[in-house]
N, C-alpha and C. Protein backbone atom coordinates (compact mmCIF):
# COMPACT_ATOMS: atom_id res chain seq x y z
N MET A 1 0.84 -1.19 0.00
CA MET A 1 0.00 0.00 0.00
C MET A 1 0.88 1.24 0.00
N LYS A 2 0.69 2.08 -0.98
CA LYS A 2 1.44 3.33 -1.05
C LYS A 2 0.62 4.45 -0.43
N MET A 3 1.31 5.38 0.19
CA MET A 3 0.64 6.54 0.77
C MET A 3 1.35 7.79 0.27
N SER A 4 0.57 8.86 0.13
CA SER A 4 1.19 10.10 -0.35
C SER A 4 0.46 11.30 0.22
N ARG A 5 1.11 12.44 0.09
CA ARG A 5 0.53 13.69 0.57
C ARG A 5 0.99 14.83 -0.33
N LYS A 6 0.03 15.65 -0.79
CA LYS A 6 0.35 16.82 -1.61
C LYS A 6 0.70 17.99 -0.72
N VAL A 7 1.75 18.69 -1.09
CA VAL A 7 2.15 19.89 -0.35
C VAL A 7 2.61 20.96 -1.33
N ILE A 8 2.55 22.20 -0.89
CA ILE A 8 2.97 23.34 -1.71
C ILE A 8 4.27 23.90 -1.13
N ILE A 9 5.24 24.15 -2.00
CA ILE A 9 6.50 24.75 -1.57
C ILE A 9 6.21 26.18 -1.11
N GLN A 10 6.52 26.50 0.13
CA GLN A 10 6.14 27.78 0.73
C GLN A 10 7.25 28.83 0.71
N ASN A 11 8.48 28.39 0.86
CA ASN A 11 9.56 29.38 1.03
C ASN A 11 9.94 30.03 -0.29
N GLU A 12 10.44 31.22 -0.20
CA GLU A 12 10.74 32.06 -1.37
C GLU A 12 11.75 31.43 -2.32
N LEU A 13 12.75 30.73 -1.79
CA LEU A 13 13.82 30.16 -2.62
C LEU A 13 13.46 28.79 -3.21
N GLY A 14 12.31 28.26 -2.87
CA GLY A 14 11.93 26.95 -3.39
C GLY A 14 12.74 25.83 -2.73
N MET A 15 12.78 24.68 -3.38
CA MET A 15 13.48 23.53 -2.83
C MET A 15 14.94 23.57 -3.30
N HIS A 16 15.76 24.29 -2.55
CA HIS A 16 17.18 24.46 -2.88
C HIS A 16 18.01 23.39 -2.15
N ALA A 17 19.32 23.47 -2.24
CA ALA A 17 20.21 22.43 -1.71
C ALA A 17 20.03 22.19 -0.21
N ARG A 18 19.98 23.25 0.58
CA ARG A 18 19.82 23.06 2.04
C ARG A 18 18.49 22.40 2.35
N ALA A 19 17.44 22.83 1.66
CA ALA A 19 16.11 22.25 1.87
C ALA A 19 16.12 20.78 1.46
N ALA A 20 16.72 20.48 0.32
CA ALA A 20 16.80 19.09 -0.16
C ALA A 20 17.59 18.22 0.82
N ALA A 21 18.62 18.80 1.43
CA ALA A 21 19.43 18.06 2.42
C ALA A 21 18.59 17.72 3.65
N LYS A 22 17.74 18.65 4.06
CA LYS A 22 16.86 18.39 5.21
C LYS A 22 15.87 17.26 4.89
N ILE A 23 15.33 17.27 3.67
CA ILE A 23 14.42 16.20 3.24
C ILE A 23 15.17 14.87 3.23
N ALA A 24 16.37 14.86 2.65
CA ALA A 24 17.15 13.62 2.55
C ALA A 24 17.44 13.03 3.93
N ARG A 25 17.78 13.89 4.89
CA ARG A 25 18.05 13.41 6.25
C ARG A 25 16.83 12.71 6.83
N LEU A 26 15.65 13.30 6.65
CA LEU A 26 14.43 12.68 7.15
C LEU A 26 14.12 11.38 6.41
N ALA A 27 14.29 11.40 5.09
CA ALA A 27 13.99 10.22 4.27
C ALA A 27 14.91 9.04 4.60
N GLU A 28 16.13 9.35 4.99
CA GLU A 28 17.07 8.27 5.34
C GLU A 28 16.61 7.48 6.56
N GLY A 29 15.73 8.07 7.36
CA GLY A 29 15.20 7.37 8.53
C GLY A 29 14.06 6.42 8.21
N ALA A 30 13.65 6.36 6.97
CA ALA A 30 12.54 5.49 6.56
C ALA A 30 13.02 4.06 6.38
N ARG A 31 12.12 3.12 6.58
CA ARG A 31 12.43 1.70 6.36
C ARG A 31 12.47 1.35 4.88
N SER A 32 11.67 2.06 4.11
CA SER A 32 11.53 1.77 2.69
C SER A 32 11.77 3.04 1.89
N LYS A 33 11.39 3.03 0.63
CA LYS A 33 11.64 4.17 -0.27
C LYS A 33 10.68 5.33 0.01
N VAL A 34 11.23 6.53 -0.11
CA VAL A 34 10.45 7.77 -0.02
C VAL A 34 10.74 8.56 -1.28
N TYR A 35 9.69 9.10 -1.90
CA TYR A 35 9.85 9.84 -3.14
C TYR A 35 9.24 11.23 -3.04
N ILE A 36 9.80 12.16 -3.78
CA ILE A 36 9.20 13.47 -4.01
C ILE A 36 8.80 13.46 -5.48
N VAL A 37 7.55 13.80 -5.77
CA VAL A 37 7.04 13.75 -7.15
C VAL A 37 6.55 15.13 -7.54
N LYS A 38 6.98 15.57 -8.73
CA LYS A 38 6.49 16.85 -9.28
C LYS A 38 6.24 16.66 -10.76
N ASP A 39 5.04 17.01 -11.20
CA ASP A 39 4.67 16.90 -12.62
C ASP A 39 4.98 15.51 -13.18
N GLY A 40 4.72 14.48 -12.40
CA GLY A 40 4.93 13.11 -12.87
C GLY A 40 6.37 12.62 -12.76
N GLN A 41 7.30 13.50 -12.43
CA GLN A 41 8.70 13.10 -12.27
C GLN A 41 8.93 12.71 -10.82
N GLU A 42 9.53 11.53 -10.63
CA GLU A 42 9.74 11.00 -9.30
C GLU A 42 11.21 11.06 -8.93
N ALA A 43 11.51 11.56 -7.72
CA ALA A 43 12.89 11.64 -7.25
C ALA A 43 13.02 10.88 -5.94
N ASP A 44 14.11 10.14 -5.80
CA ASP A 44 14.43 9.47 -4.54
C ASP A 44 14.69 10.57 -3.51
N ALA A 45 13.90 10.60 -2.45
CA ALA A 45 14.00 11.68 -1.46
C ALA A 45 15.31 11.64 -0.68
N THR A 46 16.04 10.52 -0.72
CA THR A 46 17.32 10.47 -0.02
C THR A 46 18.45 11.07 -0.85
N SER A 47 18.17 11.39 -2.12
CA SER A 47 19.19 11.94 -3.01
C SER A 47 18.99 13.46 -3.18
N ILE A 48 19.90 14.22 -2.60
CA ILE A 48 19.81 15.68 -2.68
C ILE A 48 19.80 16.13 -4.15
N ILE A 49 20.66 15.54 -4.96
CA ILE A 49 20.76 15.91 -6.39
C ILE A 49 19.45 15.61 -7.11
N ASP A 50 18.86 14.43 -6.86
CA ASP A 50 17.60 14.07 -7.51
C ASP A 50 16.48 15.04 -7.13
N VAL A 51 16.44 15.40 -5.86
CA VAL A 51 15.38 16.31 -5.39
C VAL A 51 15.56 17.70 -6.00
N ILE A 52 16.79 18.22 -6.02
CA ILE A 52 17.04 19.54 -6.62
C ILE A 52 16.68 19.53 -8.10
N ALA A 53 16.97 18.41 -8.77
CA ALA A 53 16.73 18.30 -10.22
C ALA A 53 15.25 18.41 -10.58
N LEU A 54 14.35 18.22 -9.62
CA LEU A 54 12.91 18.36 -9.90
C LEU A 54 12.54 19.80 -10.21
N TYR A 55 13.37 20.74 -9.81
CA TYR A 55 13.10 22.17 -9.93
C TYR A 55 11.73 22.52 -9.34
N CYS A 56 11.73 22.82 -8.06
CA CYS A 56 10.51 23.14 -7.34
C CYS A 56 10.59 24.55 -6.76
N PRO A 57 10.16 25.54 -7.53
CA PRO A 57 10.18 26.92 -7.04
C PRO A 57 9.06 27.16 -6.02
N SER A 58 9.06 28.31 -5.41
CA SER A 58 8.00 28.68 -4.48
C SER A 58 6.65 28.56 -5.19
N GLY A 59 5.69 27.97 -4.50
CA GLY A 59 4.35 27.80 -5.06
C GLY A 59 4.14 26.49 -5.81
N ALA A 60 5.22 25.76 -6.06
CA ALA A 60 5.10 24.47 -6.77
C ALA A 60 4.39 23.44 -5.89
N GLU A 61 3.59 22.60 -6.52
CA GLU A 61 2.94 21.51 -5.80
C GLU A 61 3.76 20.25 -5.98
N VAL A 62 4.06 19.58 -4.88
CA VAL A 62 4.78 18.31 -4.94
C VAL A 62 4.01 17.28 -4.13
N VAL A 63 4.31 16.02 -4.39
CA VAL A 63 3.71 14.93 -3.65
C VAL A 63 4.84 14.19 -2.94
N VAL A 64 4.68 13.98 -1.65
CA VAL A 64 5.60 13.15 -0.88
C VAL A 64 4.97 11.77 -0.83
N LYS A 65 5.71 10.75 -1.27
CA LYS A 65 5.14 9.41 -1.40
C LYS A 65 6.02 8.39 -0.67
N ILE A 66 5.38 7.49 0.06
CA ILE A 66 6.10 6.40 0.72
C ILE A 66 5.61 5.07 0.16
N THR A 67 6.46 4.05 0.26
CA THR A 67 6.08 2.73 -0.25
C THR A 67 5.73 1.76 0.87
N ASP A 68 5.99 2.15 2.13
CA ASP A 68 5.69 1.31 3.28
C ASP A 68 4.86 2.11 4.27
N PRO A 69 3.63 1.64 4.59
CA PRO A 69 2.78 2.38 5.52
C PRO A 69 3.44 2.61 6.88
N GLY A 70 4.42 1.81 7.22
CA GLY A 70 5.14 1.98 8.48
C GLY A 70 5.97 3.25 8.50
N ASP A 71 6.15 3.88 7.35
CA ASP A 71 6.93 5.11 7.26
C ASP A 71 6.05 6.37 7.27
N VAL A 72 4.82 6.23 7.73
CA VAL A 72 3.90 7.37 7.71
C VAL A 72 4.43 8.55 8.54
N LYS A 73 5.17 8.27 9.61
CA LYS A 73 5.74 9.37 10.41
C LYS A 73 6.77 10.15 9.58
N VAL A 74 7.56 9.44 8.80
CA VAL A 74 8.55 10.10 7.93
C VAL A 74 7.81 10.94 6.89
N LEU A 75 6.77 10.38 6.29
CA LEU A 75 5.95 11.11 5.32
C LEU A 75 5.44 12.42 5.94
N ASN A 76 4.87 12.33 7.13
CA ASN A 76 4.31 13.51 7.79
C ASN A 76 5.39 14.53 8.17
N ARG A 77 6.55 14.05 8.61
CA ARG A 77 7.64 14.97 8.97
C ARG A 77 8.13 15.74 7.74
N ILE A 78 8.28 15.04 6.61
CA ILE A 78 8.73 15.71 5.38
C ILE A 78 7.67 16.71 4.91
N ALA A 79 6.40 16.31 4.96
CA ALA A 79 5.32 17.21 4.54
C ALA A 79 5.30 18.46 5.43
N ARG A 80 5.46 18.29 6.74
CA ARG A 80 5.48 19.43 7.66
C ARG A 80 6.68 20.33 7.39
N LEU A 81 7.83 19.71 7.10
CA LEU A 81 9.04 20.48 6.79
C LEU A 81 8.80 21.38 5.58
N ILE A 82 8.21 20.81 4.53
CA ILE A 82 7.93 21.58 3.31
C ILE A 82 6.91 22.68 3.59
N GLU A 83 5.83 22.31 4.31
CA GLU A 83 4.76 23.28 4.61
C GLU A 83 5.27 24.43 5.49
N SER A 84 6.30 24.17 6.29
CA SER A 84 6.84 25.20 7.19
C SER A 84 7.90 26.05 6.47
N GLY A 85 8.09 25.82 5.17
CA GLY A 85 9.08 26.60 4.42
C GLY A 85 10.51 26.25 4.79
N PHE A 86 10.71 24.99 5.23
CA PHE A 86 12.05 24.50 5.60
C PHE A 86 12.66 25.34 6.72
N GLY A 87 11.80 25.94 7.56
CA GLY A 87 12.29 26.76 8.66
C GLY A 87 12.79 28.13 8.23
N GLU A 88 12.47 28.52 7.00
CA GLU A 88 12.97 29.80 6.46
C GLU A 88 11.91 30.90 6.46
N LEU A 89 10.71 30.59 6.85
CA LEU A 89 9.63 31.61 6.80
C LEU A 89 9.65 32.49 8.02
């Protein structure tokens, strides 16, 4: 069973390297795969380069997706991080 959550990039600089690093750190705590999806493109959330390559400016809608329901806490932490503007607001 896959689970996902839509979130909007809130911070002015979008999903830049520091923000992607924060996501990767959280995703590394998951038991299974975590993905960030934008416009149908899927990036491994543990890969800073993959996440940056999605190009997610402020206002972009992304989906945080997990492959193991046991990782729902990781899913929610990443979604909250994005919704809070990566602590930059």
